[in-house]
Amino acid sequence: MAHYKAEQDDWLVVYLKYLLFVFNFFFWYFCLLLVIFLVELVAGVLAHVYCQRLSNELKQHVTRTLTENYGQPGATEITASVDRLQQDFKCCGSNSSADWQHSAYILSPEAGGRRVPDSCCKTVVARCGHRAHPSNIYKVEGGCITKLEQFLANHLLLMGAVGIGVACLQTCGMVLTCCLHRRLQLHVH
């Protein structure tokens, strides 16, 4: 009989050990979900608060890139990126095609007398940016900045919706983890 009692006590200790492991696992799982949720919440609030600052920084950076870095030696990636931006968004210049008048590239001999880069042309052909007011140049009110801001706003809206969906799933996960943890505690007592 004493031997049976000792085996039963050993089994109870093993059972309690695994039960404590499960409690501990759910506790830390809940804590991890809570930390991730709070970090996402803070990131979302900061993104909303600094949205206007981001817009201003974007405008300054694009304008500076067009005027100072486009077409310069060693900046082939920047030149290719600006060309792609203008072709993909069908725009010319940061605010308008007139922005190119102050560009280091347009003022340099490498431009070959162009008024705007060839990537501003609706139909890109060699030296299409020579005429002062060509009909082939994209005339977009607000320039590439407006198009880029619209693109970012549309995609940020989508990312925000996905973020809210993930936050709802995380909240459900935290609630269910707490319910399971509570049920296991009640089952032990």
Protein backbone atom coordinates (compact mmCIF):
# COMPACT_ATOMS: atom_id res chain seq x y z
CA MET A 1 0.00 0.00 0.00
CA ALA A 2 2.84 2.42 0.78
CA HIS A 3 4.41 1.55 -2.58
CA TYR A 4 1.14 2.43 -4.37
CA LYS A 5 0.96 5.77 -2.48
CA ALA A 6 4.54 6.63 -3.52
CA GLU A 7 3.77 5.87 -7.20
CA GLN A 8 0.64 7.99 -6.99
CA ASP A 9 2.62 10.87 -5.48
CA ASP A 10 5.26 10.56 -8.25
CA TRP A 11 2.52 10.64 -10.88
CA LEU A 12 0.97 13.70 -9.23
CA VAL A 13 4.33 15.51 -9.21
CA VAL A 14 4.83 14.75 -12.92
CA TYR A 15 1.28 15.89 -13.67
CA LEU A 16 1.79 19.16 -11.75
CA LYS A 17 5.12 19.73 -13.47
CA TYR A 18 3.56 19.47 -16.94
CA LEU A 19 0.57 21.52 -15.86
CA LEU A 20 2.87 24.29 -14.63
CA PHE A 21 4.74 24.10 -17.93
CA VAL A 22 1.46 24.61 -19.82
CA PHE A 23 0.48 27.53 -17.52
CA ASN A 24 3.89 29.10 -18.01
CA PHE A 25 3.71 28.64 -21.79
CA PHE A 26 0.31 30.35 -22.05
CA PHE A 27 1.41 33.15 -19.73
CA TRP A 28 4.50 33.93 -21.82
CA TYR A 29 2.55 33.53 -25.06
CA PHE A 30 0.06 36.12 -23.82
CA CYS A 31 2.87 38.45 -22.75
CA LEU A 32 4.58 38.14 -26.14
CA LEU A 33 1.33 38.87 -27.99
CA LEU A 34 0.72 41.86 -25.73
CA VAL A 35 4.19 43.31 -26.37
CA ILE A 36 3.85 42.85 -30.15
CA PHE A 37 0.40 44.43 -30.05
CA LEU A 38 1.67 47.44 -28.08
CA VAL A 39 4.63 47.95 -30.44
CA GLU A 40 2.27 47.87 -33.44
CA LEU A 41 -0.05 50.33 -31.71
CA VAL A 42 2.80 52.76 -30.95
CA ALA A 43 4.11 52.47 -34.54
CA GLY A 44 0.64 53.23 -35.91
CA VAL A 45 0.18 56.26 -33.67
CA LEU A 46 3.64 57.62 -34.54
CA ALA A 47 3.01 57.12 -38.25
CA HIS A 48 -0.24 59.08 -37.95
CA VAL A 49 1.33 61.86 -35.88
CA TYR A 50 4.34 62.31 -38.17
CA CYS A 51 2.44 61.91 -41.45
CA GLN A 52 2.73 65.60 -42.38
CA ARG A 53 6.42 65.68 -41.47
CA LEU A 54 6.98 62.64 -43.68
CA SER A 55 5.20 64.41 -46.54
CA ASN A 56 7.40 67.51 -46.16
CA GLU A 57 10.56 65.39 -45.99
CA LEU A 58 9.48 63.52 -49.12
CA LYS A 59 8.93 66.78 -51.02
CA GLN A 60 12.32 68.17 -50.00
CA HIS A 61 14.14 64.95 -50.79
CA VAL A 62 12.57 64.48 -54.23
CA THR A 63 13.20 68.13 -55.16
CA ARG A 64 16.81 67.96 -53.97
CA THR A 65 17.35 64.68 -55.81
CA LEU A 66 16.04 66.13 -59.08
CA THR A 67 18.04 69.35 -58.87
CA GLU A 68 21.32 68.11 -57.40
CA ASN A 69 21.78 64.39 -58.08
CA TYR A 70 20.05 63.56 -61.36
CA GLY A 71 22.45 62.80 -64.22
CA GLN A 72 25.54 63.33 -62.09
CA PRO A 73 28.61 61.08 -62.31
CA GLY A 74 28.31 58.14 -59.92
CA ALA A 75 24.55 58.62 -59.53
CA THR A 76 23.36 56.24 -62.24
CA GLU A 77 20.99 54.46 -59.83
CA ILE A 78 19.40 57.76 -58.83
CA THR A 79 19.05 58.81 -62.46
CA ALA A 80 17.47 55.47 -63.38
CA SER A 81 15.09 55.71 -60.38
CA VAL A 82 13.95 59.23 -61.30
CA ASP A 83 13.48 58.18 -64.93
CA ARG A 84 11.39 55.22 -63.82
CA LEU A 85 9.38 57.39 -61.41
CA GLN A 86 8.55 59.87 -64.17
CA GLN A 87 7.62 57.15 -66.65
CA ASP A 88 5.59 55.00 -64.22
CA PHE A 89 3.66 57.91 -62.73
CA LYS A 90 3.47 59.83 -66.02
CA CYS A 91 4.80 63.04 -64.49
CA CYS A 92 7.67 65.49 -64.97
CA GLY A 93 9.61 67.27 -62.22
CA SER A 94 8.89 67.37 -58.53
CA ASN A 95 6.16 70.04 -58.80
CA SER A 96 6.13 70.68 -62.56
CA SER A 97 8.38 70.40 -65.60
CA ALA A 98 9.70 73.89 -64.74
CA ASP A 99 11.62 72.35 -61.81
CA TRP A 100 14.16 71.03 -64.28
CA GLN A 101 15.31 74.58 -65.13
CA HIS A 102 17.32 74.60 -61.90
CA SER A 103 18.70 71.08 -62.27
CA ALA A 104 22.46 70.57 -62.31
CA TYR A 105 21.95 68.07 -65.13
CA ILE A 106 19.96 70.42 -67.40
CA LEU A 107 22.50 73.22 -66.80
CA SER A 108 25.41 70.89 -67.65
CA PRO A 109 26.80 70.16 -71.13
CA GLU A 110 25.79 66.48 -70.73
CA ALA A 111 22.13 67.48 -71.17
CA GLY A 112 22.85 68.47 -74.77
CA GLY A 113 20.47 71.43 -74.69
CA ARG A 114 17.51 69.51 -73.27
CA ARG A 115 14.88 71.45 -71.31
CA VAL A 116 13.79 68.30 -69.47
CA PRO A 117 15.11 64.72 -69.36
CA ASP A 118 13.83 62.35 -72.01
CA SER A 119 11.96 60.40 -69.31
CA CYS A 120 9.50 63.33 -69.08
CA CYS A 121 8.28 62.57 -72.59
CA LYS A 122 5.03 60.69 -73.16
CA THR A 123 6.71 58.83 -75.99
CA VAL A 124 10.36 58.42 -75.10
CA VAL A 125 12.63 58.97 -78.07
CA ALA A 126 16.19 60.26 -78.12
CA ARG A 127 16.38 64.01 -77.42
CA CYS A 128 12.61 64.43 -77.05
CA GLY A 129 13.18 66.87 -74.16
CA HIS A 130 14.73 69.62 -76.35
CA ARG A 131 11.78 71.90 -77.06
CA ALA A 132 10.78 74.56 -74.53
CA HIS A 133 7.07 73.62 -74.49
CA PRO A 134 6.76 70.27 -76.18
CA SER A 135 3.35 68.66 -76.40
CA ASN A 136 5.04 65.35 -75.71
CA ILE A 137 5.93 66.34 -72.09
CA TYR A 138 3.79 65.19 -69.16
CA LYS A 139 1.98 68.17 -67.65
CA VAL A 140 0.68 67.02 -64.30
CA GLU A 141 -0.55 69.55 -61.79
CA GLY A 142 1.56 69.06 -58.68
CA GLY A 143 4.18 67.04 -60.55
CA CYS A 144 5.62 63.75 -59.38
CA ILE A 145 5.23 64.71 -55.72
CA THR A 146 1.43 64.65 -56.00
CA LYS A 147 1.45 61.34 -57.87
CA LEU A 148 3.88 59.79 -55.38
CA GLU A 149 1.85 61.01 -52.39
CA GLN A 150 -1.33 59.55 -53.90
CA PHE A 151 0.43 56.24 -54.47
CA LEU A 152 1.75 56.14 -50.89
CA ALA A 153 -1.62 57.18 -49.42
CA ASN A 154 -3.42 54.41 -51.31
CA HIS A 155 -0.93 51.80 -50.17
CA LEU A 156 -0.80 53.10 -46.58
CA LEU A 157 -4.58 52.79 -46.42
CA LEU A 158 -4.29 49.15 -47.46
CA MET A 159 -1.48 48.55 -44.96
CA GLY A 160 -3.56 50.20 -42.23
CA ALA A 161 -6.52 47.95 -42.97
CA VAL A 162 -4.30 44.86 -42.85
CA GLY A 163 -2.77 46.13 -39.60
CA ILE A 164 -6.20 46.54 -38.02
CA GLY A 165 -7.13 43.02 -39.13
CA VAL A 166 -3.95 41.59 -37.60
CA ALA A 167 -4.57 43.57 -34.39
CA CYS A 168 -8.06 42.06 -34.14
CA LEU A 169 -6.62 38.56 -34.57
CA GLN A 170 -3.99 39.26 -31.92
CA THR A 171 -6.62 40.57 -29.52
CA CYS A 172 -8.70 37.42 -30.06
CA GLY A 173 -5.58 35.32 -29.47
CA MET A 174 -4.84 37.14 -26.21
CA VAL A 175 -8.43 36.78 -24.98
CA LEU A 176 -8.55 33.08 -25.86
CA THR A 177 -5.17 32.52 -24.19
CA CYS A 178 -6.45 34.18 -21.00
CA CYS A 179 -9.65 32.08 -21.13
CA LEU A 180 -7.67 28.87 -21.58
CA HIS A 181 -5.24 29.85 -18.82
CA ARG A 182 -8.15 30.60 -16.49
CA ARG A 183 -9.93 27.34 -17.37
CA LEU A 184 -6.75 25.36 -16.65
CA GLN A 185 -6.38 27.12 -13.30
CA LEU A 186 -9.98 26.31 -12.34
CA HIS A 187 -9.50 22.70 -13.45
CA VAL A 188 -6.51 22.27 -11.10
CA HIS A 189 -8.25 23.72 -8.06
